[in-house]
């Protein structure tokens, strides 16, 4: 009798382990940069795909380096996040083809206005665009005009959150500008704005905090300077363990300021450098003396380069466990 019970227990336990194991051992968040040049970190690179263990796929700041809605690298896209309305983030143009031009000067000559690269991708992929401030109205109008579903442009404002699949999304403050260029609006009003040298206001820009089903919390900085919320909200309230941090200087935090944000305010386990505004690598290797190099040297946390097409996997604690 004892032998029978022991054998039955082992069979049941083994079966349960087989059922549970895939979700346990595969419970990492996958992050794949979609830059202009395979295996490099280049001047216009912003776009990332973040994939939850449940399969929910998020495209963050498609910008100019996603080669249009037909870019084979995209695959299924459930959600698109846009930090703000500048052309290098929403996509006023896009790559002619992956690897077109050089890392320092990609060929992003294919126009995407007045639709934007983001809207074209959302229409092709039937994706939901999630943004804060007044940006959802802009995207809803674009989707409706192009025959899409205006309700696919959805709002999440500071302090609130939205659940899509097993992923929770919220916006956090960013210090930057957020004007909509006249060419992006189109029509007579767009021409008038351009002629006057003005842009339309789309509310404050945003960063994002994304909480995945494995418990990993990721901060996406967008374009920002140093903010108090990076400590009080991003670290103290949400407990972000991975940060995607802009380091490009002049328009956003530079290497020194970004390192301060990581070292003193957010204190994550890991950080992915972003928005360096330079050709930071050659043949996949970091170029000495670049902004990216200075940021890495000044940062206490583990820093990873967003080499285009290389998928990194992060566990709940924010540690890179694959593709590093």
Protein backbone atom coordinates (compact mmCIF):
# COMPACT_ATOMS: atom_id res chain seq x y z
CA UNK A 1 0.00 0.00 0.00
CA UNK A 2 2.80 2.39 0.86
CA UNK A 3 4.53 1.64 -2.45
CA UNK A 4 1.30 2.32 -4.36
CA UNK A 5 0.73 5.65 -2.64
CA UNK A 6 4.33 6.70 -3.17
CA UNK A 7 4.22 5.81 -6.86
CA UNK A 8 0.87 7.61 -7.36
CA UNK A 9 2.19 10.70 -5.63
CA UNK A 10 5.24 10.78 -7.87
CA UNK A 11 3.07 10.43 -10.98
CA UNK A 12 0.71 13.22 -9.88
CA UNK A 13 3.57 15.48 -8.79
CA UNK A 14 5.44 14.87 -12.03
CA UNK A 15 2.35 15.67 -14.08
CA UNK A 16 1.77 18.91 -12.19
CA UNK A 17 5.40 19.87 -12.64
CA UNK A 18 5.14 19.37 -16.39
CA UNK A 19 2.05 21.54 -16.51
CA UNK A 20 3.47 24.29 -14.34
CA UNK A 21 7.07 24.25 -15.56
CA UNK A 22 6.54 26.14 -18.85
CA UNK A 23 4.97 29.10 -17.06
CA UNK A 24 7.52 29.03 -14.25
CA UNK A 25 10.68 28.66 -16.26
CA UNK A 26 9.53 30.86 -19.16
CA UNK A 27 8.17 33.64 -16.92
CA UNK A 28 10.55 36.28 -18.20
CA UNK A 29 9.75 39.52 -20.02
CA UNK A 30 11.29 39.65 -23.49
CA UNK A 31 12.55 42.99 -24.79
CA UNK A 32 13.61 43.39 -28.42
CA UNK A 33 14.94 46.70 -29.79
CA UNK A 34 13.85 47.61 -33.32
CA UNK A 35 16.61 49.95 -34.42
CA UNK A 36 17.74 51.09 -37.82
CA UNK A 37 20.66 48.65 -38.19
CA UNK A 38 20.85 45.01 -37.14
CA UNK A 39 23.03 44.42 -34.10
CA UNK A 40 23.78 48.12 -33.53
CA UNK A 41 22.64 51.01 -31.32
CA UNK A 42 22.17 53.94 -33.69
CA UNK A 43 21.27 57.60 -33.75
CA UNK A 44 17.46 57.36 -34.12
CA UNK A 45 16.93 54.15 -32.13
CA UNK A 46 14.02 54.39 -29.69
CA UNK A 47 11.62 51.55 -30.54
CA UNK A 48 11.31 48.50 -28.29
CA UNK A 49 8.96 45.52 -28.26
CA UNK A 50 8.19 44.32 -24.74
CA UNK A 51 6.53 40.90 -24.51
CA UNK A 52 4.79 39.59 -21.41
CA UNK A 53 4.96 35.88 -20.54
CA UNK A 54 1.24 35.69 -21.48
CA UNK A 55 2.10 36.76 -25.06
CA UNK A 56 0.90 40.38 -24.84
CA UNK A 57 3.22 42.44 -27.05
CA UNK A 58 3.81 46.17 -26.57
CA UNK A 59 5.51 48.48 -29.06
CA UNK A 60 7.07 51.50 -27.35
CA UNK A 61 7.85 54.67 -29.35
CA UNK A 62 7.94 53.25 -32.89
CA UNK A 63 9.58 56.44 -34.14
CA UNK A 64 11.43 56.34 -37.45
CA UNK A 65 13.30 53.05 -37.13
CA UNK A 66 10.33 50.72 -37.56
CA UNK A 67 10.22 50.39 -41.35
CA UNK A 68 6.51 51.06 -41.66
CA UNK A 69 3.55 48.85 -40.85
CA UNK A 70 4.89 46.05 -43.04
CA UNK A 71 8.18 45.75 -41.12
CA UNK A 72 8.60 41.99 -40.72
CA UNK A 73 10.17 42.46 -37.29
CA UNK A 74 6.90 43.64 -35.76
CA UNK A 75 4.82 40.48 -35.65
CA UNK A 76 1.70 40.74 -33.50
CA UNK A 77 1.37 44.07 -31.71
CA UNK A 78 -1.37 44.38 -29.08
CA UNK A 79 -0.50 47.79 -27.67
CA UNK A 80 1.43 50.83 -28.88
CA UNK A 81 2.76 53.34 -26.33
CA UNK A 82 3.79 56.84 -27.39
CA UNK A 83 5.65 59.05 -24.93
CA UNK A 84 5.08 62.29 -26.84
CA UNK A 85 4.32 63.71 -30.27
CA UNK A 86 7.78 64.58 -31.60
CA UNK A 87 8.56 63.03 -34.98
CA UNK A 88 11.41 60.85 -33.75
CA UNK A 89 9.01 59.13 -31.33
CA UNK A 90 5.62 59.04 -33.05
CA UNK A 91 7.17 58.64 -36.50
CA UNK A 92 6.91 61.53 -38.94
CA UNK A 93 8.84 59.33 -41.39
CA UNK A 94 10.38 55.88 -41.34
CA UNK A 95 13.21 53.71 -42.60
CA UNK A 96 13.29 52.93 -46.28
CA UNK A 97 14.43 49.44 -45.26
CA UNK A 98 16.21 47.89 -42.31
CA UNK A 99 19.94 48.72 -42.56
CA UNK A 100 19.34 51.50 -45.11
CA UNK A 101 21.84 54.32 -44.80
CA UNK A 102 24.39 54.28 -42.01
CA UNK A 103 24.11 53.94 -38.24
CA UNK A 104 24.98 57.63 -37.89
CA UNK A 105 22.65 58.65 -40.72
CA UNK A 106 19.90 56.09 -41.38
CA UNK A 107 17.77 56.47 -44.50
CA UNK A 108 14.45 57.47 -42.93
CA UNK A 109 13.22 59.15 -46.10
CA UNK A 110 9.81 57.46 -46.38
CA UNK A 111 7.17 60.04 -45.31
CA UNK A 112 4.50 59.01 -42.81
CA UNK A 113 2.60 62.28 -42.45
CA UNK A 114 -0.05 63.28 -41.79
CA UNK A 115 -0.90 59.78 -40.51
CA UNK A 116 2.31 59.07 -38.51
CA UNK A 117 4.14 55.77 -38.44
CA UNK A 118 2.36 54.92 -35.18
CA UNK A 119 -1.14 55.23 -36.65
CA UNK A 120 -0.21 53.26 -39.76
CA UNK A 121 1.13 50.42 -37.61
CA UNK A 122 -1.94 50.48 -35.36
CA UNK A 123 -4.23 50.19 -38.38
CA UNK A 124 -2.24 47.35 -39.92
CA UNK A 125 -1.90 45.40 -36.67
CA UNK A 126 -5.31 46.27 -35.19
CA UNK A 127 -3.45 47.54 -32.13
CA UNK A 128 -4.66 49.67 -29.25
CA UNK A 129 -2.79 52.97 -28.83
CA UNK A 130 -2.49 53.84 -25.14
CA UNK A 131 -1.37 57.38 -24.27
CA UNK A 132 -1.88 60.08 -21.66
CA UNK A 133 -2.57 63.84 -21.62
CA UNK A 134 -4.56 65.03 -24.66
CA UNK A 135 -2.84 62.65 -27.07
CA UNK A 136 -5.68 60.06 -27.26
CA UNK A 137 -7.95 62.58 -29.01
CA UNK A 138 -5.39 63.12 -31.74
CA UNK A 139 -4.93 59.39 -32.38
CA UNK A 140 -8.67 58.69 -32.23
CA UNK A 141 -9.32 61.30 -34.91
CA UNK A 142 -6.59 59.86 -37.13
CA UNK A 143 -7.88 56.30 -36.74
CA UNK A 144 -11.46 57.33 -37.50
CA UNK A 145 -10.49 59.35 -40.59
CA UNK A 146 -8.56 56.39 -41.98
CA UNK A 147 -11.41 53.93 -41.44
CA UNK A 148 -10.10 52.47 -38.20
CA UNK A 149 -11.71 52.18 -34.79
CA UNK A 150 -11.47 55.42 -32.81
CA UNK A 151 -12.01 53.49 -29.56
CA UNK A 152 -8.62 51.86 -30.13
CA UNK A 153 -7.06 55.11 -28.92
CA UNK A 154 -7.28 54.85 -25.14
CA UNK A 155 -6.39 57.12 -22.24
CA UNK A 156 -4.44 56.46 -19.07
CA UNK A 157 -3.64 59.56 -17.03
CA UNK A 158 -1.27 60.10 -14.12
CA UNK A 159 -2.33 58.09 -11.08
CA UNK A 160 -4.58 55.73 -13.02
CA UNK A 161 -3.84 52.45 -14.76
CA UNK A 162 -5.14 50.30 -17.59
CA UNK A 163 -5.03 46.53 -17.83
CA UNK A 164 -4.42 44.89 -21.20
CA UNK A 165 -4.00 41.14 -21.05
CA UNK A 166 -1.99 40.49 -17.89
CA UNK A 167 -0.11 43.78 -18.20
CA UNK A 168 -0.84 46.94 -16.20
CA UNK A 169 0.01 50.30 -17.79
CA UNK A 170 0.23 53.74 -16.23
CA UNK A 171 1.70 57.11 -17.15
CA UNK A 172 4.15 59.12 -15.05
CA UNK A 173 5.32 62.72 -15.53
CA UNK A 174 8.11 63.60 -17.93
CA UNK A 175 9.72 67.03 -18.26
CA UNK A 176 9.87 67.86 -21.96
CA UNK A 177 7.72 69.54 -24.63
CA UNK A 178 4.85 67.91 -26.52
CA UNK A 179 3.84 69.93 -29.57
CA UNK A 180 2.10 68.52 -32.64
CA UNK A 181 3.70 69.86 -35.83
CA UNK A 182 1.42 71.38 -38.43
CA UNK A 183 2.42 68.78 -41.03
CA UNK A 184 1.29 66.08 -38.63
CA UNK A 185 -2.14 67.69 -38.37
CA UNK A 186 -2.56 68.41 -42.08
CA UNK A 187 -5.22 70.65 -43.58
CA UNK A 188 -5.57 74.41 -43.35
CA UNK A 189 -4.94 74.56 -39.60
CA UNK A 190 -1.71 72.62 -40.05
CA UNK A 191 -0.53 75.03 -42.76
CA UNK A 192 -1.39 78.02 -40.56
CA UNK A 193 0.58 76.61 -37.62
CA UNK A 194 3.62 75.92 -39.79
CA UNK A 195 3.45 79.39 -41.30
CA UNK A 196 3.35 80.93 -37.84
CA UNK A 197 6.16 78.71 -36.55
CA UNK A 198 3.88 77.20 -33.91
CA UNK A 199 2.80 73.72 -32.82
CA UNK A 200 -0.46 72.47 -31.32
CA UNK A 201 -0.32 71.54 -27.64
CA UNK A 202 -1.03 67.90 -26.78
CA UNK A 203 -0.75 68.15 -23.01
CA UNK A 204 2.34 67.21 -21.01
CA UNK A 205 4.59 64.41 -22.27
CA UNK A 206 4.68 61.17 -20.34
CA UNK A 207 6.80 58.29 -19.25
CA UNK A 208 5.29 54.88 -18.50
CA UNK A 209 5.41 52.31 -15.75
CA UNK A 210 4.56 48.84 -17.02
CA UNK A 211 3.87 45.97 -14.61
CA UNK A 212 4.13 42.52 -16.17
CA UNK A 213 2.52 39.25 -15.12
CA UNK A 214 5.79 37.86 -13.73
CA UNK A 215 5.96 40.83 -11.34
CA UNK A 216 8.60 42.81 -13.22
CA UNK A 217 8.04 46.58 -13.11
CA UNK A 218 9.62 48.59 -15.95
CA UNK A 219 10.03 52.37 -16.18
CA UNK A 220 10.01 53.83 -19.70
CA UNK A 221 11.35 57.36 -19.39
CA UNK A 222 10.24 58.84 -22.71
CA UNK A 223 12.06 62.14 -23.19
CA UNK A 224 12.61 63.73 -19.80
CA UNK A 225 14.86 65.64 -17.50
CA UNK A 226 15.26 64.89 -13.81
CA UNK A 227 11.91 64.75 -11.97
CA UNK A 228 10.94 64.25 -8.33
CA UNK A 229 8.50 61.55 -9.44
CA UNK A 230 11.38 59.33 -10.54
CA UNK A 231 11.99 58.76 -6.83
CA UNK A 232 8.58 59.21 -5.21
CA UNK A 233 6.43 57.48 -7.83
CA UNK A 234 8.66 55.28 -9.99
CA UNK A 235 10.82 53.87 -7.16
CA UNK A 236 8.91 54.34 -3.91
CA UNK A 237 5.39 53.57 -5.13
CA UNK A 238 5.81 51.26 -8.14
CA UNK A 239 9.21 49.78 -7.27
CA UNK A 240 10.61 49.69 -10.81
CA UNK A 241 13.43 47.16 -11.19
CA UNK A 242 14.26 47.86 -14.84
CA UNK A 243 14.53 51.31 -16.44
CA UNK A 244 14.72 52.34 -20.09
CA UNK A 245 16.47 55.69 -19.79
CA UNK A 246 17.03 58.50 -22.30
CA UNK A 247 20.65 59.74 -22.29
CA UNK A 248 20.87 61.98 -25.38
CA UNK A 249 21.63 65.36 -23.75
CA UNK A 250 20.50 68.83 -24.93
CA UNK A 251 16.90 67.66 -25.50
CA UNK A 252 16.77 65.25 -22.52
CA UNK A 253 18.97 64.14 -19.65
CA UNK A 254 22.59 63.70 -20.67
CA UNK A 255 24.82 60.83 -19.49
CA UNK A 256 25.69 62.49 -16.17
CA UNK A 257 22.11 63.48 -15.35
CA UNK A 258 20.70 60.13 -16.46
CA UNK A 259 23.23 58.31 -14.27
CA UNK A 260 22.09 60.43 -11.32
CA UNK A 261 18.47 59.42 -11.98
CA UNK A 262 19.45 55.75 -12.01
CA UNK A 263 21.91 55.84 -9.09
CA UNK A 264 20.06 58.13 -6.69
CA UNK A 265 16.38 58.24 -7.62
CA UNK A 266 15.15 55.02 -9.23
CA UNK A 267 17.86 52.56 -8.12
CA UNK A 268 16.79 49.71 -10.44
CA UNK A 269 18.63 46.42 -10.83
CA UNK A 270 19.18 47.07 -14.54
CA UNK A 271 18.87 49.79 -17.14
CA UNK A 272 18.64 49.83 -20.93
CA UNK A 273 20.23 52.91 -22.48
CA UNK A 274 17.96 54.72 -24.94
CA UNK A 275 17.76 57.79 -27.15
CA UNK A 276 21.52 58.39 -27.25
CA UNK A 277 21.31 60.45 -30.47
CA UNK A 278 24.54 58.93 -31.72
CA UNK A 279 26.00 55.90 -33.42
CA UNK A 280 26.98 54.29 -30.11
CA UNK A 281 28.30 50.99 -31.47
CA UNK A 282 30.31 49.59 -34.35
CA UNK A 283 30.02 45.89 -35.21
CA UNK A 284 27.95 45.55 -32.07
CA UNK A 285 30.70 46.87 -29.79
CA UNK A 286 30.44 50.05 -27.73
CA UNK A 287 32.46 52.99 -29.12
CA UNK A 288 34.73 54.51 -26.50
CA UNK A 289 34.08 58.13 -25.54
CA UNK A 290 30.45 58.20 -26.69
CA UNK A 291 27.61 59.46 -24.52
CA UNK A 292 26.58 55.85 -24.07
CA UNK A 293 30.06 54.93 -22.87
CA UNK A 294 30.07 57.82 -20.38
CA UNK A 295 26.63 56.82 -19.09
CA UNK A 296 27.68 53.21 -18.54
CA UNK A 297 30.81 54.27 -16.66
CA UNK A 298 28.82 56.61 -14.39
CA UNK A 299 26.01 54.14 -13.61
CA UNK A 300 26.05 51.69 -10.71
CA UNK A 301 23.33 49.39 -12.07
CA UNK A 302 23.93 46.90 -14.86
CA UNK A 303 23.54 48.73 -18.20
CA UNK A 304 22.51 46.94 -21.40
CA UNK A 305 22.82 48.20 -24.94
CA UNK A 306 19.65 48.00 -27.09
CA UNK A 307 21.30 46.26 -30.02
CA UNK A 308 18.69 46.07 -32.76
CA UNK A 309 17.12 42.65 -33.15
CA UNK A 310 18.75 41.16 -30.03
CA UNK A 311 16.13 39.88 -27.59
CA UNK A 312 16.92 40.24 -23.90
CA UNK A 313 14.95 38.47 -21.17
CA UNK A 314 14.40 39.89 -17.68
CA UNK A 315 13.09 38.16 -14.59
CA UNK A 316 10.89 39.60 -11.84
CA UNK A 317 13.88 41.16 -10.08
CA UNK A 318 14.95 43.06 -13.19
CA UNK A 319 17.97 40.87 -13.83
CA UNK A 320 18.83 40.08 -17.45
CA UNK A 321 18.91 36.29 -17.72
CA UNK A 322 19.23 35.80 -21.48
CA UNK A 323 20.46 37.73 -24.52
CA UNK A 324 22.67 39.91 -22.37
